[in-house]
C-alpha atoms as a PDB file:
ATOM      1  CA  MET A   1      28.757  -3.707 -17.722  1.00  0.00           C
ATOM      2  CA  GLU A   2      25.709  -1.841 -17.571  1.00  0.00           C
ATOM      3  CA  ALA A   3      23.430  -4.372 -19.514  1.00  0.00           C
ATOM      4  CA  SER A   4      20.715  -1.077 -19.752  1.00  0.00           C
ATOM      5  CA  ARG A   5      23.381   0.932 -22.077  1.00  0.00           C
ATOM      6  CA  GLU A   6      24.273  -2.358 -24.232  1.00  0.00           C
ATOM      7  CA  THR A   7      22.358  -2.997 -27.391  1.00  0.00           C
ATOM      8  CA  GLU A   8      23.787  -5.135 -30.625  1.00  0.00           C
ATOM      9  CA  ASP A   9      23.794  -1.412 -32.439  1.00  0.00           C
ATOM     10  CA  GLU A  10      25.764   0.347 -30.093  1.00  0.00           C
ATOM     11  CA  PRO A  11      29.463  -0.231 -29.396  1.00  0.00           C
ATOM     12  CA  VAL A  12      30.368  -1.037 -25.782  1.00  0.00           C
ATOM     13  CA  LYS A  13      33.236   2.050 -24.882  1.00  0.00           C
ATOM     14  CA  LEU A  14      36.673   1.694 -23.587  1.00  0.00           C
ATOM     15  CA  LEU A  15      39.559   3.657 -22.656  1.00  0.00           C
ATOM     16  CA  TYR A  16      43.186   2.717 -22.901  1.00  0.00           C
ATOM     17  CA  CYS A  17      46.044   4.886 -21.627  1.00  0.00           C
ATOM     18  CA  LEU A  18      49.392   4.935 -23.383  1.00  0.00           C
ATOM     19  CA  ALA A  19      50.605   6.023 -20.220  1.00  0.00           C
ATOM     20  CA  CYS A  20      50.499   3.222 -17.920  1.00  0.00           C
ATOM     21  CA  GLY A  21      48.725   0.193 -19.930  1.00  0.00           C
ATOM     22  CA  ASP A  22      45.364   0.211 -18.435  1.00  0.00           C
ATOM     23  CA  LEU A  23      42.163  -0.759 -20.336  1.00  0.00           C
ATOM     24  CA  PHE A  24      38.954   0.037 -18.653  1.00  0.00           C
ATOM     25  CA  ILE A  25      35.186   0.130 -19.587  1.00  0.00           C
ATOM     26  CA  VAL A  26      33.505   3.333 -19.522  1.00  0.00           C
ATOM     27  CA  THR A  27      30.698   3.479 -17.097  1.00  0.00           C
ATOM     28  CA  SER A  28      28.061   6.299 -15.409  1.00  0.00           C
ATOM     29  CA  GLU A  29      30.080   6.658 -12.846  1.00  0.00           C
ATOM     30  CA  PRO A  30      33.518   8.481 -13.439  1.00  0.00           C
ATOM     31  CA  ARG A  31      36.537   6.152 -14.285  1.00  0.00           C
ATOM     32  CA  ALA A  32      40.422   6.670 -14.392  1.00  0.00           C
ATOM     33  CA  CYS A  33      42.747   4.602 -15.464  1.00  0.00           C
ATOM     34  CA  LEU A  34      45.788   3.144 -12.943  1.00  0.00           C
ATOM     35  CA  CYS A  35      47.942   5.738 -13.274  1.00  0.00           C
ATOM     36  CA  GLY A  36      45.116   8.617 -13.315  1.00  0.00           C
ATOM     37  CA  ALA A  37      46.504  10.030 -16.256  1.00  0.00           C
ATOM     38  CA  THR A  38      43.155   8.405 -18.752  1.00  0.00           C
ATOM     39  CA  ARG A  39      39.482   9.374 -17.196  1.00  0.00           C
ATOM     40  CA  GLY A  40      36.245   8.526 -18.964  1.00  0.00           C
ATOM     41  CA  GLN A  41      32.323   8.740 -17.868  1.00  0.00           C
ATOM     42  CA  TYR A  42      29.002   8.017 -19.918  1.00  0.00           C
ATOM     43  CA  VAL A  43      27.171  11.393 -19.495  1.00  0.00           C
ATOM     44  CA  ASP A  44      23.736   9.904 -20.915  1.00  0.00           C
ATOM     45  CA  SER A  45      22.599   6.639 -22.226  1.00  0.00           C
ATOM     46  CA  HIS A  46      24.421   6.910 -25.459  1.00  0.00           C
ATOM     47  CA  SER A  47      27.188   9.696 -24.966  1.00  0.00           C
ATOM     48  CA  ALA A  48      30.378   9.434 -23.024  1.00  0.00           C
ATOM     49  CA  ILE A  49      33.264  12.004 -22.428  1.00  0.00           C
ATOM     50  CA  TYR A  50      37.319  10.932 -21.728  1.00  0.00           C
ATOM     51  CA  SER A  51      39.884  12.967 -20.846  1.00  0.00           C
ATOM     52  CA  GLY A  52      44.002  12.482 -21.619  1.00  0.00           C
ATOM     53  CA  LYS A  53      46.657  13.271 -24.127  1.00  0.00           C
ATOM     54  CA  LEU A  54      47.363   9.525 -23.514  1.00  0.00           C
ATOM     55  CA  ALA A  55      43.875   8.766 -24.075  1.00  0.00           C
ATOM     56  CA  VAL A  56      42.885   6.238 -26.831  1.00  0.00           C
ATOM     57  CA  PRO A  57      39.214   5.923 -27.068  1.00  0.00           C
ATOM     58  CA  LEU A  58      38.017   1.849 -28.212  1.00  0.00           C
ATOM     59  CA  GLY A  59      34.716   0.280 -29.003  1.00  0.00           C
ATOM     60  CA  ILE A  60      33.458  -2.965 -29.032  1.00  0.00           C
ATOM     61  CA  ALA A  61      30.990  -4.123 -31.838  1.00  0.00           C
ATOM     62  CA  ASN A  62      28.119  -5.756 -29.324  1.00  0.00           C
ATOM     63  CA  ALA A  63      26.640  -7.811 -32.176  1.00  0.00           C
ATOM     64  CA  SER A  64      29.902  -9.522 -32.651  1.00  0.00           C
ATOM     65  CA  PHE A  65      30.826  -9.983 -29.441  1.00  0.00           C
ATOM     66  CA  LEU A  66      27.336 -11.458 -28.487  1.00  0.00           C
ATOM     67  CA  ARG A  67      27.870 -13.903 -31.739  1.00  0.00           C
ATOM     68  CA  ALA A  68      31.503 -14.980 -30.353  1.00  0.00           C
ATOM     69  CA  MET A  69      30.046 -15.624 -26.944  1.00  0.00           C
ATOM     70  CA  HIS A  70      27.463 -17.796 -28.430  1.00  0.00           C
ATOM     71  CA  ASN A  71      29.996 -19.605 -30.117  1.00  0.00           C
ATOM     72  CA  ARG A  72      32.668 -19.610 -27.635  1.00  0.00           C
ATOM     73  CA  PRO A  73      34.647 -23.311 -28.371  1.00  0.00           C
ATOM     74  CA  ASP A  74      33.860 -25.531 -25.386  1.00  0.00           C
ATOM     75  CA  LYS A  75      36.997 -27.141 -25.672  1.00  0.00           C
ATOM     76  CA  ASP A  76      40.656 -25.407 -25.441  1.00  0.00           C
ATOM     77  CA  THR A  77      42.055 -25.730 -29.169  1.00  0.00           C
ATOM     78  CA  GLY A  78      44.535 -23.034 -29.184  1.00  0.00           C
ATOM     79  CA  LYS A  79      42.330 -20.422 -30.464  1.00  0.00           C
ATOM     80  CA  GLY A  80      39.678 -18.868 -29.027  1.00  0.00           C
ATOM     81  CA  GLU A  81      36.195 -17.357 -30.838  1.00  0.00           C
ATOM     82  CA  ARG A  82      37.181 -13.545 -32.494  1.00  0.00           C
ATOM     83  CA  PHE A  83      35.135 -10.518 -32.165  1.00  0.00           C
ATOM     84  CA  GLU A  84      35.463  -6.946 -33.341  1.00  0.00           C
ATOM     85  CA  ALA A  85      36.989  -4.388 -31.982  1.00  0.00           C
ATOM     86  CA  PHE A  86      37.855  -0.894 -33.107  1.00  0.00           C
ATOM     87  CA  VAL A  87      39.546   2.600 -31.861  1.00  0.00           C
ATOM     88  CA  ILE A  88      37.036   5.370 -32.372  1.00  0.00           C
ATOM     89  CA  PRO A  89      38.168   8.265 -34.219  1.00  0.00           C
ATOM     90  CA  LYS A  90      39.414  11.357 -32.975  1.00  0.00           C
ATOM     91  CA  GLN A  91      36.340  13.394 -33.558  1.00  0.00           C
ATOM     92  CA  CYS A  92      33.052  11.291 -32.270  1.00  0.00           C
ATOM     93  CA  GLU A  93      30.050  12.656 -31.374  1.00  0.00           C
ATOM     94  CA  SER A  94      29.404  10.208 -29.068  1.00  0.00           C
ATOM     95  CA  PHE A  95      32.719  10.184 -27.333  1.00  0.00           C
ATOM     96  CA  ARG A  96      34.080  13.287 -26.974  1.00  0.00           C
ATOM     97  CA  ARG A  97      37.330  14.132 -25.708  1.00  0.00           C
ATOM     98  CA  THR A  98      36.789  17.079 -23.394  1.00  0.00           C
ATOM     99  CA  ASP A  99      41.199  18.595 -22.509  1.00  0.00           C
ATOM    100  CA  GLN A 100      41.721  19.211 -26.164  1.00  0.00           C
END
């Protein structure tokens, strides 16, 4: 992951492909899922674009993720530490679909 883009306020952007089930992080370099149906990349330090009719944009709340990493159990208790992830709305200024 590109540490310069990650802040506690800015969620990490990911894409999930309904066609092949691949989940991948969005970076400044163009990326695609395993089957090529879903694609995306950052266009600046805040905004990203994606394409693919079967693409689902997701986010991970960094503050929640960082807390979970800090509170990660030392031993296997059957549960890991939870963090917040969410489906990004269909209309989102900072993560736009380009093939509508």
